[in-house]
């Protein structure tokens, strides 16, 4: 539907697992737990420094394409953390693992470790890991497991938020309440994307609407994530043929992206151009695509450049066919 399969800014959730969200932005790994610095004071081969060095070596191996070596190192890091009985290090090292590097097994092990201790099933750390697993099952096209995982996260978080709603500040801080709401928003967003990919459009629309409401309420309409969700919602409406409503949302997303100098403004513009093309407003679609292309080239986003060029070629064909 004109939407490139590229990255979007990640949600900013500071959960107990210290992961910073289900899908960290490129080059980031979320918040590092207190007491586990990524910059060791000395290169000592013991304590947390040893874990940090293992993680760095694993990341380097993954970047070089040496996945077997990376996986081996990533398995060593949690084992070392277990030996030290360092709970923060254990959860953090597991959260560093990516899909394709033994992630499913390690996330399940993380879950078992947390639940065997004093961590409750509705703890945000447990729910973050559950969301990661649901995303893995979605990527593996294991539909039943993916849906069960997403729905568990969403229903559990909705119940948790309802219980926490009237708790006073001295019992539960506003920041903790906000983080739980943002984790729900992240779950709705991820589930919405999955539903869109399998063409369950009305259900995807509901997820995006709820996620947008949470992001706007907690972070504000101008927050990068709110802008992304507004653009996403427009694309779901566009896919259902609701062009006027889709165009209104997409124009607003583009306006906010320009005003806030959104890091992915070119992708928001790409989505707007796609909707304009579907409405057969070819002249304006071409102008917006060209603006998006210029931005993508300036940012060195090769994948977006290729996608927008392909869309411009498709636009030229449609213009020719409509004459």
C-alpha atoms as a PDB file:
ATOM      1  CA  UNK A   1       0.000   0.000   0.000  1.00  0.00           C
ATOM      2  CA  UNK A   2       2.915   2.327  -0.616  1.00  0.00           C
ATOM      3  CA  UNK A   3       4.399   1.724   2.850  1.00  0.00           C
ATOM      4  CA  UNK A   4       8.100   0.807   2.788  1.00  0.00           C
ATOM      5  CA  UNK A   5       9.140  -2.044   5.072  1.00  0.00           C
ATOM      6  CA  UNK A   6      11.598   0.130   6.959  1.00  0.00           C
ATOM      7  CA  UNK A   7      12.302   1.076  10.522  1.00  0.00           C
ATOM      8  CA  UNK A   8      10.326   3.582  12.540  1.00  0.00           C
ATOM      9  CA  UNK A   9      11.347   5.317  15.788  1.00  0.00           C
ATOM     10  CA  UNK A  10      10.942   3.053  18.814  1.00  0.00           C
ATOM     11  CA  UNK A  11       8.699   3.661  21.776  1.00  0.00           C
ATOM     12  CA  UNK A  12      10.422   5.135  24.824  1.00  0.00           C
ATOM     13  CA  UNK A  13       9.552   2.769  27.646  1.00  0.00           C
ATOM     14  CA  UNK A  14      11.911   2.359  30.569  1.00  0.00           C
ATOM     15  CA  UNK A  15      10.716  -0.993  31.894  1.00  0.00           C
ATOM     16  CA  UNK A  16      12.378  -3.110  34.558  1.00  0.00           C
ATOM     17  CA  UNK A  17      14.092  -5.170  31.906  1.00  0.00           C
ATOM     18  CA  UNK A  18      15.946  -2.075  30.742  1.00  0.00           C
ATOM     19  CA  UNK A  19      15.208  -2.797  27.111  1.00  0.00           C
ATOM     20  CA  UNK A  20      13.792   0.528  26.003  1.00  0.00           C
ATOM     21  CA  UNK A  21      11.053  -1.075  23.868  1.00  0.00           C
ATOM     22  CA  UNK A  22      10.299  -4.094  21.761  1.00  0.00           C
ATOM     23  CA  UNK A  23      12.036  -2.742  18.713  1.00  0.00           C
ATOM     24  CA  UNK A  24      14.992  -0.504  19.594  1.00  0.00           C
ATOM     25  CA  UNK A  25      16.031   2.138  17.089  1.00  0.00           C
ATOM     26  CA  UNK A  26      19.063   1.313  14.947  1.00  0.00           C
ATOM     27  CA  UNK A  27      22.300   1.455  16.874  1.00  0.00           C
ATOM     28  CA  UNK A  28      20.617   1.583  20.296  1.00  0.00           C
ATOM     29  CA  UNK A  29      19.843  -1.038  22.893  1.00  0.00           C
ATOM     30  CA  UNK A  30      17.587   0.869  25.253  1.00  0.00           C
ATOM     31  CA  UNK A  31      18.449   2.032  28.731  1.00  0.00           C
ATOM     32  CA  UNK A  32      21.332   0.290  30.481  1.00  0.00           C
ATOM     33  CA  UNK A  33      20.367  -0.796  34.011  1.00  0.00           C
ATOM     34  CA  UNK A  34      22.071   1.001  36.853  1.00  0.00           C
ATOM     35  CA  UNK A  35      25.230  -0.812  37.826  1.00  0.00           C
ATOM     36  CA  UNK A  36      25.820  -2.298  34.361  1.00  0.00           C
ATOM     37  CA  UNK A  37      27.807   0.303  32.444  1.00  0.00           C
ATOM     38  CA  UNK A  38      28.717  -0.384  28.837  1.00  0.00           C
ATOM     39  CA  UNK A  39      32.017   1.390  29.422  1.00  0.00           C
ATOM     40  CA  UNK A  40      34.056  -0.652  31.920  1.00  0.00           C
ATOM     41  CA  UNK A  41      36.519   1.195  34.116  1.00  0.00           C
ATOM     42  CA  UNK A  42      39.196  -1.398  33.436  1.00  0.00           C
ATOM     43  CA  UNK A  43      39.327  -4.309  31.008  1.00  0.00           C
ATOM     44  CA  UNK A  44      39.263  -6.824  33.841  1.00  0.00           C
ATOM     45  CA  UNK A  45      38.096 -10.345  32.970  1.00  0.00           C
ATOM     46  CA  UNK A  46      35.862 -10.645  36.014  1.00  0.00           C
ATOM     47  CA  UNK A  47      32.651  -9.168  37.404  1.00  0.00           C
ATOM     48  CA  UNK A  48      30.380  -7.068  35.216  1.00  0.00           C
ATOM     49  CA  UNK A  49      33.314  -5.960  33.068  1.00  0.00           C
ATOM     50  CA  UNK A  50      33.586  -9.505  31.742  1.00  0.00           C
ATOM     51  CA  UNK A  51      29.892  -9.512  30.802  1.00  0.00           C
ATOM     52  CA  UNK A  52      30.240  -6.144  29.067  1.00  0.00           C
ATOM     53  CA  UNK A  53      33.235  -7.391  27.068  1.00  0.00           C
ATOM     54  CA  UNK A  54      31.312 -10.511  26.012  1.00  0.00           C
ATOM     55  CA  UNK A  55      28.393  -8.371  24.812  1.00  0.00           C
ATOM     56  CA  UNK A  56      30.727  -6.059  22.894  1.00  0.00           C
ATOM     57  CA  UNK A  57      32.452  -9.014  21.234  1.00  0.00           C
ATOM     58  CA  UNK A  58      29.059 -10.538  20.366  1.00  0.00           C
ATOM     59  CA  UNK A  59      27.873  -7.277  18.795  1.00  0.00           C
ATOM     60  CA  UNK A  60      31.099  -6.993  16.779  1.00  0.00           C
ATOM     61  CA  UNK A  61      30.771 -10.597  15.559  1.00  0.00           C
ATOM     62  CA  UNK A  62      27.144  -9.979  14.519  1.00  0.00           C
ATOM     63  CA  UNK A  63      28.143  -6.835  12.622  1.00  0.00           C
ATOM     64  CA  UNK A  64      30.827  -8.840  10.784  1.00  0.00           C
ATOM     65  CA  UNK A  65      28.261 -11.489   9.875  1.00  0.00           C
ATOM     66  CA  UNK A  66      29.808 -14.124  12.157  1.00  0.00           C
ATOM     67  CA  UNK A  67      26.450 -15.184  13.592  1.00  0.00           C
ATOM     68  CA  UNK A  68      27.565 -18.518  15.069  1.00  0.00           C
ATOM     69  CA  UNK A  69      30.326 -16.745  17.012  1.00  0.00           C
ATOM     70  CA  UNK A  70      27.891 -14.020  18.091  1.00  0.00           C
ATOM     71  CA  UNK A  71      25.362 -16.559  19.356  1.00  0.00           C
ATOM     72  CA  UNK A  72      28.028 -18.441  21.303  1.00  0.00           C
ATOM     73  CA  UNK A  73      29.169 -15.228  22.993  1.00  0.00           C
ATOM     74  CA  UNK A  74      25.591 -14.174  23.732  1.00  0.00           C
ATOM     75  CA  UNK A  75      24.986 -17.490  25.478  1.00  0.00           C
ATOM     76  CA  UNK A  76      28.137 -17.010  27.585  1.00  0.00           C
ATOM     77  CA  UNK A  77      27.033 -13.592  28.865  1.00  0.00           C
ATOM     78  CA  UNK A  78      23.825 -14.727  30.660  1.00  0.00           C
ATOM     79  CA  UNK A  79      25.677 -17.778  32.015  1.00  0.00           C
ATOM     80  CA  UNK A  80      28.315 -15.485  33.535  1.00  0.00           C
ATOM     81  CA  UNK A  81      25.571 -13.267  34.952  1.00  0.00           C
ATOM     82  CA  UNK A  82      23.877 -16.326  36.522  1.00  0.00           C
ATOM     83  CA  UNK A  83      27.171 -17.310  38.148  1.00  0.00           C
ATOM     84  CA  UNK A  84      27.386 -13.861  39.718  1.00  0.00           C
ATOM     85  CA  UNK A  85      23.710 -14.019  40.749  1.00  0.00           C
ATOM     86  CA  UNK A  86      23.321 -10.557  39.232  1.00  0.00           C
ATOM     87  CA  UNK A  87      19.617 -10.285  38.381  1.00  0.00           C
ATOM     88  CA  UNK A  88      19.909  -6.992  36.470  1.00  0.00           C
ATOM     89  CA  UNK A  89      22.774  -8.357  34.389  1.00  0.00           C
ATOM     90  CA  UNK A  90      20.863 -11.579  33.650  1.00  0.00           C
ATOM     91  CA  UNK A  91      17.774  -9.786  32.360  1.00  0.00           C
ATOM     92  CA  UNK A  92      19.826  -7.204  30.471  1.00  0.00           C
ATOM     93  CA  UNK A  93      22.038  -9.752  28.720  1.00  0.00           C
ATOM     94  CA  UNK A  94      18.981 -11.691  27.605  1.00  0.00           C
ATOM     95  CA  UNK A  95      17.336  -8.478  26.359  1.00  0.00           C
ATOM     96  CA  UNK A  96      20.388  -7.780  24.164  1.00  0.00           C
ATOM     97  CA  UNK A  97      19.706 -10.829  22.027  1.00  0.00           C
ATOM     98  CA  UNK A  98      18.135 -10.270  18.617  1.00  0.00           C
ATOM     99  CA  UNK A  99      15.830 -12.494  16.571  1.00  0.00           C
ATOM    100  CA  UNK A 100      17.933 -14.938  14.604  1.00  0.00           C
ATOM    101  CA  UNK A 101      20.536 -15.235  17.357  1.00  0.00           C
ATOM    102  CA  UNK A 102      18.754 -17.796  19.530  1.00  0.00           C
ATOM    103  CA  UNK A 103      16.358 -15.109  20.754  1.00  0.00           C
ATOM    104  CA  UNK A 104      13.314 -17.334  21.269  1.00  0.00           C
ATOM    105  CA  UNK A 105      15.102 -19.776  23.594  1.00  0.00           C
ATOM    106  CA  UNK A 106      16.813 -16.999  25.524  1.00  0.00           C
ATOM    107  CA  UNK A 107      13.637 -14.961  25.988  1.00  0.00           C
ATOM    108  CA  UNK A 108      11.830 -18.077  27.238  1.00  0.00           C
ATOM    109  CA  UNK A 109      14.691 -18.695  29.650  1.00  0.00           C
ATOM    110  CA  UNK A 110      14.457 -15.079  30.811  1.00  0.00           C
ATOM    111  CA  UNK A 111      10.746 -15.496  31.426  1.00  0.00           C
ATOM    112  CA  UNK A 112      11.262 -18.704  33.407  1.00  0.00           C
ATOM    113  CA  UNK A 113      14.019 -17.080  35.455  1.00  0.00           C
ATOM    114  CA  UNK A 114      11.916 -14.040  36.356  1.00  0.00           C
ATOM    115  CA  UNK A 115       8.744 -16.006  37.164  1.00  0.00           C
ATOM    116  CA  UNK A 116      10.699 -18.513  39.280  1.00  0.00           C
ATOM    117  CA  UNK A 117      11.791 -15.609  41.448  1.00  0.00           C
ATOM    118  CA  UNK A 118       9.569 -12.944  42.955  1.00  0.00           C
ATOM    119  CA  UNK A 119       8.598 -11.316  39.649  1.00  0.00           C
ATOM    120  CA  UNK A 120       4.839 -11.265  39.019  1.00  0.00           C
ATOM    121  CA  UNK A 121       3.226 -12.248  35.722  1.00  0.00           C
ATOM    122  CA  UNK A 122       1.998  -8.677  35.160  1.00  0.00           C
ATOM    123  CA  UNK A 123       5.406  -7.111  35.844  1.00  0.00           C
ATOM    124  CA  UNK A 124       6.431  -4.822  32.978  1.00  0.00           C
ATOM    125  CA  UNK A 125       9.703  -6.736  32.545  1.00  0.00           C
ATOM    126  CA  UNK A 126       7.787  -9.993  31.996  1.00  0.00           C
ATOM    127  CA  UNK A 127       5.391  -8.297  29.606  1.00  0.00           C
ATOM    128  CA  UNK A 128       8.235  -6.759  27.588  1.00  0.00           C
ATOM    129  CA  UNK A 129       9.742 -10.226  27.112  1.00  0.00           C
ATOM    130  CA  UNK A 130       6.278 -11.611  26.225  1.00  0.00           C
ATOM    131  CA  UNK A 131       5.932  -8.898  23.590  1.00  0.00           C
ATOM    132  CA  UNK A 132       9.344  -9.748  22.137  1.00  0.00           C
ATOM    133  CA  UNK A 133       8.304 -13.404  21.888  1.00  0.00           C
ATOM    134  CA  UNK A 134       5.022 -12.458  20.193  1.00  0.00           C
ATOM    135  CA  UNK A 135       6.994 -10.412  17.651  1.00  0.00           C
ATOM    136  CA  UNK A 136       9.286 -13.389  16.995  1.00  0.00           C
ATOM    137  CA  UNK A 137       6.294 -15.706  16.449  1.00  0.00           C
ATOM    138  CA  UNK A 138       4.775 -13.104  14.114  1.00  0.00           C
ATOM    139  CA  UNK A 139       8.000 -13.021  12.064  1.00  0.00           C
ATOM    140  CA  UNK A 140       7.981 -16.842  11.994  1.00  0.00           C
ATOM    141  CA  UNK A 141       4.346 -16.804  10.790  1.00  0.00           C
ATOM    142  CA  UNK A 142       3.234 -18.814  13.839  1.00  0.00           C
ATOM    143  CA  UNK A 143      -0.168 -17.135  13.868  1.00  0.00           C
ATOM    144  CA  UNK A 144      -1.760 -18.744  16.943  1.00  0.00           C
ATOM    145  CA  UNK A 145       1.282 -18.154  19.150  1.00  0.00           C
ATOM    146  CA  UNK A 146       1.703 -14.589  17.898  1.00  0.00           C
ATOM    147  CA  UNK A 147      -1.952 -13.660  18.513  1.00  0.00           C
ATOM    148  CA  UNK A 148      -1.974 -15.350  21.932  1.00  0.00           C
ATOM    149  CA  UNK A 149       1.182 -13.456  22.898  1.00  0.00           C
ATOM    150  CA  UNK A 150      -0.073 -10.071  21.745  1.00  0.00           C
ATOM    151  CA  UNK A 151      -3.472 -10.534  23.373  1.00  0.00           C
ATOM    152  CA  UNK A 152      -1.906 -11.670  26.656  1.00  0.00           C
ATOM    153  CA  UNK A 153       0.214  -8.516  26.769  1.00  0.00           C
ATOM    154  CA  UNK A 154      -2.647  -6.185  25.851  1.00  0.00           C
ATOM    155  CA  UNK A 155      -5.272  -7.681  28.188  1.00  0.00           C
ATOM    156  CA  UNK A 156      -2.840  -7.965  31.119  1.00  0.00           C
ATOM    157  CA  UNK A 157      -1.681  -4.368  30.693  1.00  0.00           C
ATOM    158  CA  UNK A 158      -5.258  -3.057  30.372  1.00  0.00           C
ATOM    159  CA  UNK A 159      -6.202  -4.810  33.626  1.00  0.00           C
ATOM    160  CA  UNK A 160      -3.045  -3.528  35.326  1.00  0.00           C
ATOM    161  CA  UNK A 161      -3.695   0.068  34.239  1.00  0.00           C
ATOM    162  CA  UNK A 162      -7.295  -0.122  35.486  1.00  0.00           C
ATOM    163  CA  UNK A 163      -6.043  -1.310  38.907  1.00  0.00           C
ATOM    164  CA  UNK A 164      -3.330   1.363  39.084  1.00  0.00           C
ATOM    165  CA  UNK A 165      -5.519   4.248  37.951  1.00  0.00           C
ATOM    166  CA  UNK A 166      -6.512   5.579  41.401  1.00  0.00           C
ATOM    167  CA  UNK A 167      -3.334   4.703  43.297  1.00  0.00           C
ATOM    168  CA  UNK A 168      -1.818   7.787  44.976  1.00  0.00           C
ATOM    169  CA  UNK A 169       1.591   9.150  43.909  1.00  0.00           C
ATOM    170  CA  UNK A 170       3.307   7.935  47.104  1.00  0.00           C
ATOM    171  CA  UNK A 171       2.251   4.362  46.257  1.00  0.00           C
ATOM    172  CA  UNK A 172       2.934   4.447  42.505  1.00  0.00           C
ATOM    173  CA  UNK A 173       4.634   7.358  40.739  1.00  0.00           C
ATOM    174  CA  UNK A 174       3.193   9.090  37.689  1.00  0.00           C
ATOM    175  CA  UNK A 175       6.263   7.986  35.715  1.00  0.00           C
ATOM    176  CA  UNK A 176       5.635   4.316  36.541  1.00  0.00           C
ATOM    177  CA  UNK A 177       1.995   4.657  35.498  1.00  0.00           C
ATOM    178  CA  UNK A 178       3.046   6.360  32.263  1.00  0.00           C
ATOM    179  CA  UNK A 179       5.571   3.619  31.476  1.00  0.00           C
ATOM    180  CA  UNK A 180       2.890   0.955  31.836  1.00  0.00           C
ATOM    181  CA  UNK A 181       0.602   2.929  29.508  1.00  0.00           C
ATOM    182  CA  UNK A 182       3.420   3.305  26.971  1.00  0.00           C
ATOM    183  CA  UNK A 183       4.110  -0.429  27.123  1.00  0.00           C
ATOM    184  CA  UNK A 184       0.436  -0.999  26.298  1.00  0.00           C
ATOM    185  CA  UNK A 185       0.764   1.461  23.414  1.00  0.00           C
ATOM    186  CA  UNK A 186       3.820  -0.381  22.155  1.00  0.00           C
ATOM    187  CA  UNK A 187       1.938  -3.714  22.338  1.00  0.00           C
ATOM    188  CA  UNK A 188      -1.048  -2.297  20.441  1.00  0.00           C
ATOM    189  CA  UNK A 189       1.270  -0.801  17.815  1.00  0.00           C
ATOM    190  CA  UNK A 190       3.152  -4.077  17.316  1.00  0.00           C
ATOM    191  CA  UNK A 191      -0.075  -6.104  17.116  1.00  0.00           C
ATOM    192  CA  UNK A 192      -1.567  -3.564  14.718  1.00  0.00           C
ATOM    193  CA  UNK A 193       1.432  -3.915  12.403  1.00  0.00           C
ATOM    194  CA  UNK A 194       1.078  -7.698  12.470  1.00  0.00           C
ATOM    195  CA  UNK A 195      -2.664  -7.497  11.704  1.00  0.00           C
ATOM    196  CA  UNK A 196      -1.932  -5.110   8.828  1.00  0.00           C
ATOM    197  CA  UNK A 197       0.643  -7.541   7.417  1.00  0.00           C
ATOM    198  CA  UNK A 198      -1.885 -10.402   7.416  1.00  0.00           C
ATOM    199  CA  UNK A 199      -4.539  -8.100   5.913  1.00  0.00           C
ATOM    200  CA  UNK A 200      -6.887  -7.989   8.923  1.00  0.00           C
ATOM    201  CA  UNK A 201      -7.481  -4.300   8.306  1.00  0.00           C
ATOM    202  CA  UNK A 202     -10.447  -3.358  10.578  1.00  0.00           C
ATOM    203  CA  UNK A 203      -8.729  -5.047  13.555  1.00  0.00           C
ATOM    204  CA  UNK A 204      -5.435  -3.320  12.698  1.00  0.00           C
ATOM    205  CA  UNK A 205      -7.252   0.024  12.569  1.00  0.00           C
ATOM    206  CA  UNK A 206      -8.590  -0.470  16.122  1.00  0.00           C
ATOM    207  CA  UNK A 207      -5.116  -1.273  17.446  1.00  0.00           C
ATOM    208  CA  UNK A 208      -3.584   1.800  15.799  1.00  0.00           C
ATOM    209  CA  UNK A 209      -6.380   4.066  17.065  1.00  0.00           C
ATOM    210  CA  UNK A 210      -5.832   2.901  20.640  1.00  0.00           C
ATOM    211  CA  UNK A 211      -2.045   3.155  20.364  1.00  0.00           C
ATOM    212  CA  UNK A 212      -2.315   6.680  18.917  1.00  0.00           C
ATOM    213  CA  UNK A 213      -4.625   7.749  21.741  1.00  0.00           C
ATOM    214  CA  UNK A 214      -2.156   6.496  24.364  1.00  0.00           C
ATOM    215  CA  UNK A 215       0.852   8.091  22.676  1.00  0.00           C
ATOM    216  CA  UNK A 216      -0.948  11.425  22.279  1.00  0.00           C
ATOM    217  CA  UNK A 217      -2.220  11.405  25.886  1.00  0.00           C
ATOM    218  CA  UNK A 218       1.102  10.425  27.477  1.00  0.00           C
ATOM    219  CA  UNK A 219       3.677  11.927  25.110  1.00  0.00           C
ATOM    220  CA  UNK A 220       1.738  14.569  23.191  1.00  0.00           C
ATOM    221  CA  UNK A 221       0.551  14.875  19.587  1.00  0.00           C
ATOM    222  CA  UNK A 222       3.925  16.220  18.414  1.00  0.00           C
ATOM    223  CA  UNK A 223       5.983  13.327  19.796  1.00  0.00           C
ATOM    224  CA  UNK A 224       7.766  11.329  17.033  1.00  0.00           C
ATOM    225  CA  UNK A 225       5.848   8.169  17.938  1.00  0.00           C
ATOM    226  CA  UNK A 226       2.481   9.940  17.774  1.00  0.00           C
ATOM    227  CA  UNK A 227       3.340  11.259  14.313  1.00  0.00           C
ATOM    228  CA  UNK A 228       4.322   7.755  13.155  1.00  0.00           C
ATOM    229  CA  UNK A 229       1.089   6.259  14.486  1.00  0.00           C
ATOM    230  CA  UNK A 230      -0.964   8.965  12.798  1.00  0.00           C
ATOM    231  CA  UNK A 231       0.746   8.097   9.501  1.00  0.00           C
ATOM    232  CA  UNK A 232       0.270   4.366  10.146  1.00  0.00           C
ATOM    233  CA  UNK A 233      -3.432   4.850  10.860  1.00  0.00           C
ATOM    234  CA  UNK A 234      -3.778   6.801   7.614  1.00  0.00           C
ATOM    235  CA  UNK A 235      -2.249   3.892   5.685  1.00  0.00           C
ATOM    236  CA  UNK A 236      -4.656   1.379   7.251  1.00  0.00           C
ATOM    237  CA  UNK A 237      -7.602   3.592   6.298  1.00  0.00           C
ATOM    238  CA  UNK A 238      -6.165   3.987   2.794  1.00  0.00           C
ATOM    239  CA  UNK A 239      -5.906   0.200   2.451  1.00  0.00           C
ATOM    240  CA  UNK A 240      -9.630  -0.027   3.249  1.00  0.00           C
ATOM    241  CA  UNK A 241     -10.511   2.543   0.594  1.00  0.00           C
ATOM    242  CA  UNK A 242     -11.309   5.321   3.098  1.00  0.00           C
ATOM    243  CA  UNK A 243      -9.289   7.816   1.073  1.00  0.00           C
ATOM    244  CA  UNK A 244     -10.679  11.109   2.394  1.00  0.00           C
ATOM    245  CA  UNK A 245     -10.192  10.156   6.057  1.00  0.00           C
ATOM    246  CA  UNK A 246      -6.797   8.663   5.259  1.00  0.00           C
ATOM    247  CA  UNK A 247      -5.724  11.837   3.478  1.00  0.00           C
ATOM    248  CA  UNK A 248      -6.778  14.032   6.403  1.00  0.00           C
ATOM    249  CA  UNK A 249      -4.722  11.968   8.887  1.00  0.00           C
ATOM    250  CA  UNK A 250      -1.758  11.740   6.536  1.00  0.00           C
ATOM    251  CA  UNK A 251      -1.713  15.495   5.847  1.00  0.00           C
ATOM    252  CA  UNK A 252      -1.746  16.151   9.592  1.00  0.00           C
ATOM    253  CA  UNK A 253       1.104  13.674  10.125  1.00  0.00           C
ATOM    254  CA  UNK A 254       3.139  15.365   7.365  1.00  0.00           C
ATOM    255  CA  UNK A 255       2.440  18.805   8.847  1.00  0.00           C
ATOM    256  CA  UNK A 256       3.593  17.670  12.304  1.00  0.00           C
ATOM    257  CA  UNK A 257       6.636  15.913  10.824  1.00  0.00           C
ATOM    258  CA  UNK A 258       7.700  19.138   9.072  1.00  0.00           C
ATOM    259  CA  UNK A 259       7.087  21.307  12.148  1.00  0.00           C
ATOM    260  CA  UNK A 260       9.031  19.018  14.471  1.00  0.00           C
ATOM    261  CA  UNK A 261      11.804  18.078  12.008  1.00  0.00           C
ATOM    262  CA  UNK A 262      10.853  14.419  12.443  1.00  0.00           C
ATOM    263  CA  UNK A 263      13.811  12.075  11.800  1.00  0.00           C
ATOM    264  CA  UNK A 264      11.664  10.005   9.420  1.00  0.00           C
ATOM    265  CA  UNK A 265       9.814  12.853   7.720  1.00  0.00           C
ATOM    266  CA  UNK A 266      10.617  11.380   4.296  1.00  0.00           C
ATOM    267  CA  UNK A 267       8.723   8.199   5.206  1.00  0.00           C
ATOM    268  CA  UNK A 268       5.707  10.169   6.430  1.00  0.00           C
ATOM    269  CA  UNK A 269       5.770  12.099   3.140  1.00  0.00           C
ATOM    270  CA  UNK A 270       6.076   8.833   1.211  1.00  0.00           C
ATOM    271  CA  UNK A 271       2.874   7.591   2.850  1.00  0.00           C
ATOM    272  CA  UNK A 272       1.075  10.843   2.036  1.00  0.00           C
ATOM    273  CA  UNK A 273       2.167  10.584  -1.616  1.00  0.00           C
ATOM    274  CA  UNK A 274       0.913   6.988  -1.798  1.00  0.00           C
ATOM    275  CA  UNK A 275      -2.544   8.046  -0.596  1.00  0.00           C
ATOM    276  CA  UNK A 276      -2.593  10.928  -3.095  1.00  0.00           C
ATOM    277  CA  UNK A 277      -1.706   8.457  -5.854  1.00  0.00           C
ATOM    278  CA  UNK A 278      -4.564   6.153  -4.817  1.00  0.00           C
ATOM    279  CA  UNK A 279      -6.902   9.168  -5.011  1.00  0.00           C
ATOM    280  CA  UNK A 280      -5.496   9.751  -8.517  1.00  0.00           C
ATOM    281  CA  UNK A 281      -4.184  13.183  -7.578  1.00  0.00           C
ATOM    282  CA  UNK A 282      -1.100  12.379  -9.634  1.00  0.00           C
ATOM    283  CA  UNK A 283       0.360  15.883  -9.870  1.00  0.00           C
ATOM    284  CA  UNK A 284       0.421  16.465  -6.115  1.00  0.00           C
ATOM    285  CA  UNK A 285       1.553  12.885  -5.458  1.00  0.00           C
ATOM    286  CA  UNK A 286       4.560  13.459  -7.719  1.00  0.00           C
ATOM    287  CA  UNK A 287       5.492  16.669  -5.887  1.00  0.00           C
ATOM    288  CA  UNK A 288       5.323  14.975  -2.476  1.00  0.00           C
ATOM    289  CA  UNK A 289       7.251  11.926  -3.698  1.00  0.00           C
ATOM    290  CA  UNK A 290       9.992  14.217  -5.036  1.00  0.00           C
ATOM    291  CA  UNK A 291      10.201  16.013  -1.690  1.00  0.00           C
ATOM    292  CA  UNK A 292      10.413  12.647   0.096  1.00  0.00           C
ATOM    293  CA  UNK A 293      13.090  11.455  -2.342  1.00  0.00           C
ATOM    294  CA  UNK A 294      15.225  14.559  -1.812  1.00  0.00           C
ATOM    295  CA  UNK A 295      15.082  14.093   1.977  1.00  0.00           C
ATOM    296  CA  UNK A 296      15.874  10.380   1.756  1.00  0.00           C
ATOM    297  CA  UNK A 297      18.901  11.130  -0.428  1.00  0.00           C
ATOM    298  CA  UNK A 298      20.125  13.802   1.988  1.00  0.00           C
ATOM    299  CA  UNK A 299      19.821  11.345   4.887  1.00  0.00           C
ATOM    300  CA  UNK A 300      21.580   8.586   2.975  1.00  0.00           C
ATOM    301  CA  UNK A 301      18.601   6.237   3.378  1.00  0.00           C
ATOM    302  CA  UNK A 302      19.277   3.961   0.399  1.00  0.00           C
ATOM    303  CA  UNK A 303      16.303   1.655   1.032  1.00  0.00           C
ATOM    304  CA  UNK A 304      13.850   4.575   1.067  1.00  0.00           C
ATOM    305  CA  UNK A 305      15.464   6.109  -2.025  1.00  0.00           C
ATOM    306  CA  UNK A 306      14.958   2.867  -3.949  1.00  0.00           C
ATOM    307  CA  UNK A 307      11.377   2.485  -2.735  1.00  0.00           C
ATOM    308  CA  UNK A 308      10.396   6.072  -3.623  1.00  0.00           C
ATOM    309  CA  UNK A 309      11.998   5.772  -7.067  1.00  0.00           C
ATOM    310  CA  UNK A 310       9.927   2.637  -7.665  1.00  0.00           C
ATOM    311  CA  UNK A 311       6.794   4.496  -6.566  1.00  0.00           C
ATOM    312  CA  UNK A 312       7.584   7.374  -8.928  1.00  0.00           C
ATOM    313  CA  UNK A 313       7.933   4.883 -11.791  1.00  0.00           C
ATOM    314  CA  UNK A 314       4.559   3.359 -10.866  1.00  0.00           C
ATOM    315  CA  UNK A 315       3.072   6.853 -10.698  1.00  0.00           C
ATOM    316  CA  UNK A 316       4.331   7.614 -14.223  1.00  0.00           C
ATOM    317  CA  UNK A 317       2.651   4.442 -15.519  1.00  0.00           C
ATOM    318  CA  UNK A 318      -0.665   5.310 -13.892  1.00  0.00           C
ATOM    319  CA  UNK A 319      -0.576   8.879 -15.222  1.00  0.00           C
ATOM    320  CA  UNK A 320       0.094   7.554 -18.711  1.00  0.00           C
ATOM    321  CA  UNK A 321      -2.710   4.983 -18.415  1.00  0.00           C
ATOM    322  CA  UNK A 322      -5.224   7.570 -17.189  1.00  0.00           C
ATOM    323  CA  UNK A 323      -4.759   9.844 -20.212  1.00  0.00           C
END
